N, C-alpha and C. Protein backbone atom coordinates (compact mmCIF):
# COMPACT_ATOMS: atom_id res chain seq x y z
N MET A 1 -123.32 -13.27 -81.12
CA MET A 1 -123.64 -13.04 -79.73
C MET A 1 -123.86 -11.54 -79.54
N LYS A 2 -124.94 -11.20 -78.89
CA LYS A 2 -125.30 -9.80 -78.69
C LYS A 2 -124.71 -9.29 -77.37
N GLU A 3 -124.00 -8.15 -77.46
CA GLU A 3 -123.42 -7.55 -76.25
C GLU A 3 -124.46 -6.68 -75.56
N THR A 4 -124.38 -6.65 -74.25
CA THR A 4 -125.30 -5.79 -73.50
C THR A 4 -124.49 -4.67 -72.84
N ILE A 5 -125.15 -3.59 -72.62
CA ILE A 5 -124.52 -2.44 -71.99
C ILE A 5 -124.97 -2.40 -70.54
N ALA A 6 -124.01 -2.31 -69.64
CA ALA A 6 -124.34 -2.21 -68.22
C ALA A 6 -125.06 -0.89 -67.96
N GLU A 7 -126.13 -0.94 -67.21
CA GLU A 7 -126.90 0.26 -66.94
C GLU A 7 -126.44 0.93 -65.66
N SER A 8 -126.39 2.23 -65.71
CA SER A 8 -126.04 3.06 -64.55
C SER A 8 -127.24 3.12 -63.63
N PRO A 9 -127.01 3.29 -62.31
CA PRO A 9 -128.14 3.48 -61.40
C PRO A 9 -129.00 4.68 -61.78
N GLU A 10 -128.39 5.69 -62.38
CA GLU A 10 -129.12 6.86 -62.86
C GLU A 10 -128.79 7.04 -64.34
N PRO A 11 -129.48 6.32 -65.21
CA PRO A 11 -129.17 6.42 -66.64
C PRO A 11 -129.23 7.85 -67.15
N GLY A 12 -128.30 8.17 -68.04
CA GLY A 12 -128.29 9.49 -68.66
C GLY A 12 -127.59 10.56 -67.84
N ARG A 13 -126.99 10.19 -66.71
CA ARG A 13 -126.26 11.17 -65.89
C ARG A 13 -124.84 10.71 -65.71
N PHE A 14 -123.93 11.66 -65.85
CA PHE A 14 -122.52 11.39 -65.59
C PHE A 14 -122.26 11.56 -64.10
N GLU A 15 -121.21 10.95 -63.62
CA GLU A 15 -120.88 11.01 -62.19
C GLU A 15 -120.73 12.45 -61.69
N PHE A 16 -120.04 13.29 -62.46
CA PHE A 16 -119.81 14.67 -62.00
C PHE A 16 -121.12 15.45 -61.85
N GLN A 17 -122.16 15.05 -62.58
CA GLN A 17 -123.44 15.75 -62.48
C GLN A 17 -124.11 15.53 -61.12
N LYS A 18 -123.64 14.54 -60.38
CA LYS A 18 -124.18 14.25 -59.05
C LYS A 18 -123.43 15.00 -57.96
N TRP A 19 -122.32 15.63 -58.29
CA TRP A 19 -121.48 16.30 -57.31
C TRP A 19 -122.12 17.62 -56.89
N ALA A 20 -122.10 17.89 -55.60
CA ALA A 20 -122.64 19.14 -55.07
C ALA A 20 -121.89 20.36 -55.62
N VAL A 21 -120.59 20.23 -55.81
CA VAL A 21 -119.81 21.37 -56.32
C VAL A 21 -120.25 21.71 -57.75
N TYR A 22 -120.54 20.70 -58.55
CA TYR A 22 -121.01 20.93 -59.92
C TYR A 22 -122.39 21.58 -59.90
N GLU A 23 -123.27 21.07 -59.06
CA GLU A 23 -124.62 21.63 -58.95
C GLU A 23 -124.55 23.09 -58.49
N ASN A 24 -123.72 23.38 -57.49
CA ASN A 24 -123.57 24.76 -57.03
C ASN A 24 -123.02 25.65 -58.14
N ALA A 25 -122.10 25.12 -58.92
CA ALA A 25 -121.54 25.90 -60.03
C ALA A 25 -122.63 26.22 -61.05
N GLN A 26 -123.51 25.27 -61.32
CA GLN A 26 -124.60 25.52 -62.26
C GLN A 26 -125.60 26.54 -61.70
N VAL A 27 -125.83 26.47 -60.38
CA VAL A 27 -126.71 27.47 -59.74
C VAL A 27 -126.10 28.86 -59.91
N PHE A 28 -124.78 28.96 -59.76
CA PHE A 28 -124.14 30.26 -59.93
C PHE A 28 -124.24 30.74 -61.38
N VAL A 29 -124.12 29.85 -62.34
CA VAL A 29 -124.25 30.26 -63.75
C VAL A 29 -125.60 30.94 -63.96
N VAL A 30 -126.65 30.36 -63.43
CA VAL A 30 -127.99 30.95 -63.57
C VAL A 30 -128.02 32.33 -62.90
N ALA A 31 -127.46 32.42 -61.70
CA ALA A 31 -127.42 33.71 -60.99
C ALA A 31 -126.62 34.74 -61.79
N ALA A 32 -125.49 34.32 -62.35
CA ALA A 32 -124.65 35.24 -63.13
C ALA A 32 -125.40 35.75 -64.36
N TYR A 33 -126.13 34.89 -65.03
CA TYR A 33 -126.88 35.33 -66.21
C TYR A 33 -127.99 36.30 -65.81
N LYS A 34 -128.59 36.07 -64.65
CA LYS A 34 -129.61 37.02 -64.17
C LYS A 34 -128.99 38.37 -63.85
N ILE A 35 -127.81 38.34 -63.24
CA ILE A 35 -127.09 39.59 -62.95
C ILE A 35 -126.77 40.31 -64.26
N CYS A 36 -126.29 39.56 -65.23
CA CYS A 36 -125.95 40.16 -66.55
C CYS A 36 -127.17 40.81 -67.19
N GLY A 37 -128.32 40.21 -67.01
CA GLY A 37 -129.55 40.77 -67.56
C GLY A 37 -129.95 42.08 -66.92
N GLN A 38 -129.43 42.35 -65.72
CA GLN A 38 -129.78 43.58 -65.01
C GLN A 38 -128.74 44.69 -65.20
N LEU A 39 -127.65 44.39 -65.87
CA LEU A 39 -126.61 45.39 -66.09
C LEU A 39 -127.01 46.33 -67.21
N PRO A 40 -126.55 47.58 -67.15
CA PRO A 40 -126.90 48.53 -68.22
C PRO A 40 -126.35 48.07 -69.57
N ARG A 41 -127.18 48.17 -70.56
CA ARG A 41 -126.82 47.68 -71.90
C ARG A 41 -125.70 48.51 -72.55
N ASP A 42 -125.69 49.80 -72.27
CA ASP A 42 -124.77 50.68 -72.99
C ASP A 42 -123.37 50.73 -72.42
N SER A 43 -123.19 50.44 -71.12
CA SER A 43 -121.86 50.66 -70.55
C SER A 43 -121.23 49.44 -69.89
N ALA A 44 -121.90 48.30 -69.91
CA ALA A 44 -121.36 47.14 -69.20
C ALA A 44 -121.17 45.92 -70.10
N THR A 45 -121.02 46.15 -71.38
CA THR A 45 -120.92 45.03 -72.32
C THR A 45 -119.75 44.11 -72.01
N GLY A 46 -118.57 44.67 -71.79
CA GLY A 46 -117.39 43.85 -71.51
C GLY A 46 -117.52 43.07 -70.22
N ILE A 47 -118.02 43.71 -69.18
CA ILE A 47 -118.19 43.04 -67.89
C ILE A 47 -119.23 41.92 -68.03
N ARG A 48 -120.31 42.20 -68.73
CA ARG A 48 -121.37 41.21 -68.93
C ARG A 48 -120.82 39.98 -69.63
N ASP A 49 -120.09 40.19 -70.72
CA ASP A 49 -119.52 39.07 -71.46
C ASP A 49 -118.52 38.28 -70.63
N GLN A 50 -117.69 38.99 -69.88
CA GLN A 50 -116.67 38.32 -69.07
C GLN A 50 -117.29 37.52 -67.93
N LEU A 51 -118.34 38.05 -67.31
CA LEU A 51 -119.01 37.31 -66.24
C LEU A 51 -119.66 36.04 -66.78
N ARG A 52 -120.26 36.15 -67.95
CA ARG A 52 -120.85 34.94 -68.56
C ARG A 52 -119.79 33.88 -68.83
N ARG A 53 -118.68 34.30 -69.41
CA ARG A 53 -117.61 33.33 -69.73
C ARG A 53 -117.00 32.73 -68.46
N ALA A 54 -116.71 33.58 -67.49
CA ALA A 54 -116.07 33.09 -66.25
C ALA A 54 -117.00 32.16 -65.48
N SER A 55 -118.28 32.51 -65.42
CA SER A 55 -119.22 31.66 -64.68
C SER A 55 -119.37 30.30 -65.36
N GLN A 56 -119.43 30.29 -66.68
CA GLN A 56 -119.53 29.03 -67.42
C GLN A 56 -118.27 28.17 -67.27
N SER A 57 -117.15 28.82 -67.12
CA SER A 57 -115.88 28.12 -66.99
C SER A 57 -115.83 27.23 -65.76
N ILE A 58 -116.56 27.58 -64.72
CA ILE A 58 -116.51 26.80 -63.48
C ILE A 58 -117.06 25.39 -63.70
N PRO A 59 -118.33 25.22 -64.08
CA PRO A 59 -118.82 23.84 -64.27
C PRO A 59 -118.16 23.13 -65.46
N LEU A 60 -117.77 23.88 -66.48
CA LEU A 60 -117.12 23.23 -67.63
C LEU A 60 -115.80 22.60 -67.23
N ASN A 61 -115.01 23.28 -66.41
CA ASN A 61 -113.73 22.71 -65.98
C ASN A 61 -113.91 21.60 -64.95
N ILE A 62 -114.97 21.66 -64.15
CA ILE A 62 -115.27 20.55 -63.25
C ILE A 62 -115.60 19.31 -64.07
N ALA A 63 -116.42 19.48 -65.08
CA ALA A 63 -116.79 18.36 -65.94
C ALA A 63 -115.56 17.79 -66.66
N GLU A 64 -114.77 18.66 -67.26
CA GLU A 64 -113.60 18.18 -67.99
C GLU A 64 -112.58 17.53 -67.07
N GLY A 65 -112.39 18.11 -65.89
CA GLY A 65 -111.46 17.53 -64.94
C GLY A 65 -111.89 16.15 -64.47
N SER A 66 -113.19 15.95 -64.34
CA SER A 66 -113.69 14.66 -63.89
C SER A 66 -113.37 13.54 -64.88
N ALA A 67 -113.16 13.91 -66.13
CA ALA A 67 -112.89 12.92 -67.17
C ALA A 67 -111.41 12.54 -67.27
N ARG A 68 -110.56 13.25 -66.58
CA ARG A 68 -109.13 12.97 -66.64
C ARG A 68 -108.79 11.75 -65.79
N TYR A 69 -107.67 11.12 -66.11
CA TYR A 69 -107.33 9.86 -65.47
C TYR A 69 -106.45 10.00 -64.23
N THR A 70 -105.57 10.96 -64.20
CA THR A 70 -104.68 11.07 -63.05
C THR A 70 -105.16 12.18 -62.12
N GLY A 71 -104.79 12.02 -60.85
CA GLY A 71 -105.14 13.04 -59.86
C GLY A 71 -104.56 14.39 -60.21
N ARG A 72 -103.36 14.37 -60.74
CA ARG A 72 -102.71 15.64 -61.11
C ARG A 72 -103.48 16.34 -62.23
N ASP A 73 -103.88 15.57 -63.26
CA ASP A 73 -104.65 16.17 -64.36
C ASP A 73 -106.00 16.69 -63.86
N LYS A 74 -106.67 15.89 -63.05
CA LYS A 74 -107.95 16.33 -62.49
C LYS A 74 -107.75 17.63 -61.70
N GLY A 75 -106.73 17.64 -60.84
CA GLY A 75 -106.44 18.80 -60.02
C GLY A 75 -106.20 20.05 -60.84
N ASN A 76 -105.53 19.92 -61.97
CA ASN A 76 -105.28 21.08 -62.83
C ASN A 76 -106.58 21.72 -63.31
N PHE A 77 -107.53 20.90 -63.73
CA PHE A 77 -108.80 21.45 -64.21
C PHE A 77 -109.62 22.03 -63.06
N PHE A 78 -109.57 21.38 -61.89
CA PHE A 78 -110.29 21.91 -60.74
C PHE A 78 -109.67 23.23 -60.28
N ARG A 79 -108.36 23.37 -60.44
CA ARG A 79 -107.70 24.65 -60.11
C ARG A 79 -108.12 25.75 -61.08
N ILE A 80 -108.26 25.40 -62.35
CA ILE A 80 -108.75 26.39 -63.33
C ILE A 80 -110.17 26.82 -62.97
N ALA A 81 -111.00 25.86 -62.58
CA ALA A 81 -112.37 26.19 -62.15
C ALA A 81 -112.33 27.12 -60.95
N ARG A 82 -111.44 26.84 -60.00
CA ARG A 82 -111.32 27.69 -58.80
C ARG A 82 -110.84 29.09 -59.19
N GLY A 83 -109.93 29.19 -60.15
CA GLY A 83 -109.49 30.49 -60.64
C GLY A 83 -110.64 31.27 -61.24
N SER A 84 -111.53 30.58 -61.93
CA SER A 84 -112.71 31.24 -62.51
C SER A 84 -113.66 31.74 -61.43
N VAL A 85 -113.72 31.02 -60.30
CA VAL A 85 -114.51 31.50 -59.17
C VAL A 85 -113.99 32.86 -58.72
N PHE A 86 -112.67 32.96 -58.57
CA PHE A 86 -112.07 34.22 -58.12
C PHE A 86 -112.25 35.32 -59.17
N GLU A 87 -112.22 34.94 -60.43
CA GLU A 87 -112.47 35.91 -61.50
C GLU A 87 -113.90 36.47 -61.38
N CYS A 88 -114.85 35.60 -61.09
CA CYS A 88 -116.24 36.05 -60.91
C CYS A 88 -116.37 37.00 -59.73
N VAL A 89 -115.66 36.70 -58.64
CA VAL A 89 -115.68 37.58 -57.47
C VAL A 89 -115.17 38.97 -57.86
N ALA A 90 -114.06 39.02 -58.59
CA ALA A 90 -113.50 40.30 -59.00
C ALA A 90 -114.45 41.05 -59.94
N ILE A 91 -115.11 40.35 -60.82
CA ILE A 91 -116.06 40.99 -61.72
C ILE A 91 -117.23 41.57 -60.93
N LEU A 92 -117.75 40.80 -59.98
CA LEU A 92 -118.86 41.31 -59.16
C LEU A 92 -118.43 42.51 -58.32
N ASP A 93 -117.19 42.49 -57.84
CA ASP A 93 -116.66 43.67 -57.14
C ASP A 93 -116.68 44.89 -58.05
N SER A 94 -116.25 44.71 -59.28
CA SER A 94 -116.23 45.82 -60.24
C SER A 94 -117.64 46.32 -60.53
N VAL A 95 -118.57 45.40 -60.68
CA VAL A 95 -119.96 45.78 -60.93
C VAL A 95 -120.47 46.68 -59.81
N GLN A 96 -120.16 46.32 -58.59
CA GLN A 96 -120.60 47.13 -57.45
C GLN A 96 -119.88 48.47 -57.40
N ARG A 97 -118.57 48.47 -57.58
CA ARG A 97 -117.80 49.71 -57.49
C ARG A 97 -118.16 50.70 -58.60
N LEU A 98 -118.49 50.16 -59.76
CA LEU A 98 -118.87 51.03 -60.87
C LEU A 98 -120.32 51.50 -60.78
N GLY A 99 -121.05 50.97 -59.81
CA GLY A 99 -122.44 51.38 -59.61
C GLY A 99 -123.38 50.86 -60.67
N PHE A 100 -123.00 49.76 -61.34
CA PHE A 100 -123.84 49.21 -62.40
C PHE A 100 -125.08 48.49 -61.86
N LEU A 101 -125.03 48.12 -60.58
CA LEU A 101 -126.12 47.33 -60.03
C LEU A 101 -126.32 47.74 -58.57
N GLN A 102 -127.53 48.01 -58.21
CA GLN A 102 -127.83 48.41 -56.83
C GLN A 102 -128.22 47.20 -55.98
N LYS A 103 -128.39 46.06 -56.60
CA LYS A 103 -128.79 44.82 -55.93
C LYS A 103 -127.68 44.33 -55.00
N ASP A 104 -128.07 43.77 -53.85
CA ASP A 104 -127.11 43.16 -52.93
C ASP A 104 -126.64 41.83 -53.53
N LEU A 105 -125.34 41.68 -53.65
CA LEU A 105 -124.76 40.48 -54.26
C LEU A 105 -124.21 39.50 -53.22
N GLY A 106 -124.61 39.70 -51.95
CA GLY A 106 -124.11 38.86 -50.87
C GLY A 106 -124.32 37.37 -51.09
N ASP A 107 -125.49 36.99 -51.59
CA ASP A 107 -125.77 35.57 -51.83
C ASP A 107 -124.84 35.00 -52.90
N SER A 108 -124.56 35.79 -53.92
CA SER A 108 -123.65 35.33 -54.98
C SER A 108 -122.23 35.15 -54.43
N PHE A 109 -121.79 36.10 -53.60
CA PHE A 109 -120.45 35.97 -53.00
C PHE A 109 -120.38 34.75 -52.09
N LYS A 110 -121.43 34.49 -51.32
CA LYS A 110 -121.45 33.31 -50.44
C LYS A 110 -121.41 32.03 -51.25
N LEU A 111 -122.15 31.99 -52.33
CA LEU A 111 -122.16 30.79 -53.19
C LEU A 111 -120.78 30.57 -53.80
N LEU A 112 -120.15 31.65 -54.25
CA LEU A 112 -118.80 31.52 -54.83
C LEU A 112 -117.80 31.06 -53.77
N GLU A 113 -117.94 31.55 -52.55
CA GLU A 113 -117.05 31.10 -51.47
C GLU A 113 -117.23 29.61 -51.21
N THR A 114 -118.48 29.15 -51.21
CA THR A 114 -118.76 27.72 -51.01
C THR A 114 -118.14 26.89 -52.13
N ILE A 115 -118.32 27.32 -53.36
CA ILE A 115 -117.75 26.60 -54.50
C ILE A 115 -116.23 26.55 -54.39
N SER A 116 -115.62 27.66 -54.01
CA SER A 116 -114.17 27.71 -53.88
C SER A 116 -113.68 26.72 -52.83
N ARG A 117 -114.35 26.68 -51.69
CA ARG A 117 -113.97 25.74 -50.63
C ARG A 117 -114.13 24.29 -51.08
N MET A 118 -115.22 24.02 -51.78
CA MET A 118 -115.46 22.67 -52.27
C MET A 118 -114.39 22.25 -53.27
N LEU A 119 -114.03 23.17 -54.15
CA LEU A 119 -112.99 22.87 -55.13
C LEU A 119 -111.64 22.65 -54.45
N SER A 120 -111.34 23.43 -53.42
CA SER A 120 -110.09 23.23 -52.68
C SER A 120 -110.04 21.84 -52.07
N GLY A 121 -111.16 21.43 -51.48
CA GLY A 121 -111.23 20.08 -50.92
C GLY A 121 -111.09 19.01 -51.98
N LEU A 122 -111.71 19.24 -53.11
CA LEU A 122 -111.65 18.27 -54.22
C LEU A 122 -110.22 18.16 -54.76
N ILE A 123 -109.54 19.27 -54.88
CA ILE A 123 -108.15 19.26 -55.34
C ILE A 123 -107.29 18.47 -54.36
N GLY A 124 -107.46 18.74 -53.08
CA GLY A 124 -106.70 18.01 -52.08
C GLY A 124 -106.98 16.53 -52.12
N TYR A 125 -108.23 16.17 -52.36
CA TYR A 125 -108.61 14.76 -52.43
C TYR A 125 -107.96 14.07 -53.63
N VAL A 126 -108.12 14.63 -54.83
CA VAL A 126 -107.63 13.93 -56.02
C VAL A 126 -106.11 13.92 -56.11
N GLU A 127 -105.47 14.85 -55.43
CA GLU A 127 -104.01 14.87 -55.45
C GLU A 127 -103.41 14.23 -54.19
N GLY A 128 -104.27 13.74 -53.31
CA GLY A 128 -103.82 13.14 -52.06
C GLY A 128 -103.36 11.70 -52.22
N GLU A 129 -102.74 11.19 -51.20
CA GLU A 129 -102.17 9.84 -51.21
C GLU A 129 -103.22 8.75 -51.36
N LYS A 130 -104.35 8.87 -50.67
CA LYS A 130 -105.37 7.83 -50.74
C LYS A 130 -105.87 7.65 -52.16
N TYR A 131 -106.03 8.76 -52.87
CA TYR A 131 -106.50 8.70 -54.26
C TYR A 131 -105.44 8.04 -55.13
N LYS A 132 -104.19 8.41 -54.93
CA LYS A 132 -103.10 7.87 -55.74
C LYS A 132 -102.92 6.37 -55.52
N GLN A 133 -103.27 5.89 -54.32
CA GLN A 133 -103.11 4.47 -54.01
C GLN A 133 -104.25 3.63 -54.54
N GLY A 134 -105.19 4.24 -55.22
CA GLY A 134 -106.24 3.47 -55.86
C GLY A 134 -107.56 3.46 -55.12
N ASN A 135 -107.71 4.20 -54.05
CA ASN A 135 -108.96 4.26 -53.31
C ASN A 135 -109.84 5.35 -53.92
N LYS A 136 -110.28 5.12 -55.16
CA LYS A 136 -111.04 6.14 -55.88
C LYS A 136 -112.54 5.91 -55.77
N SER A 137 -112.93 4.86 -55.06
CA SER A 137 -114.34 4.52 -55.03
C SER A 137 -115.18 5.49 -54.20
N ALA A 138 -114.63 6.00 -53.13
CA ALA A 138 -115.39 6.91 -52.28
C ALA A 138 -115.22 8.34 -52.76
N SER A 139 -116.29 8.90 -53.28
CA SER A 139 -116.25 10.27 -53.77
C SER A 139 -116.35 11.24 -52.61
N PRO A 140 -115.54 12.29 -52.58
CA PRO A 140 -115.60 13.25 -51.48
C PRO A 140 -116.74 14.24 -51.62
N ILE A 141 -117.47 14.16 -52.71
CA ILE A 141 -118.43 15.20 -53.03
C ILE A 141 -119.84 14.72 -52.81
């Protein structure tokens, strides 16, 4: 007897890839890499590398957290992602204070603030009572 595989409404996409917070995190990764490309090559190597790592950490921890089974485990990864958001803010502050970039970073700060708020809501949702009681069908994102 041949087994069949149930098809997803959107084949080839994981659930977290549909989340607005994940999409915003990926948009920020692209912005961060563009910022890194504009930093001086000779004096900003450490900041450039750290911004790349911190920006990548946001969607990676969202993805990994989505795969966890308990609300507490999910929340831990989403908190790590939120910590990486704040790390990116601090790095961008340093970039500006050191005069490495004359570009206005307001849009990047706004995007990071949005991601942070979304992650806070997501943490509250997965660690909340409704989620724990088994009402996991309605995604907050």
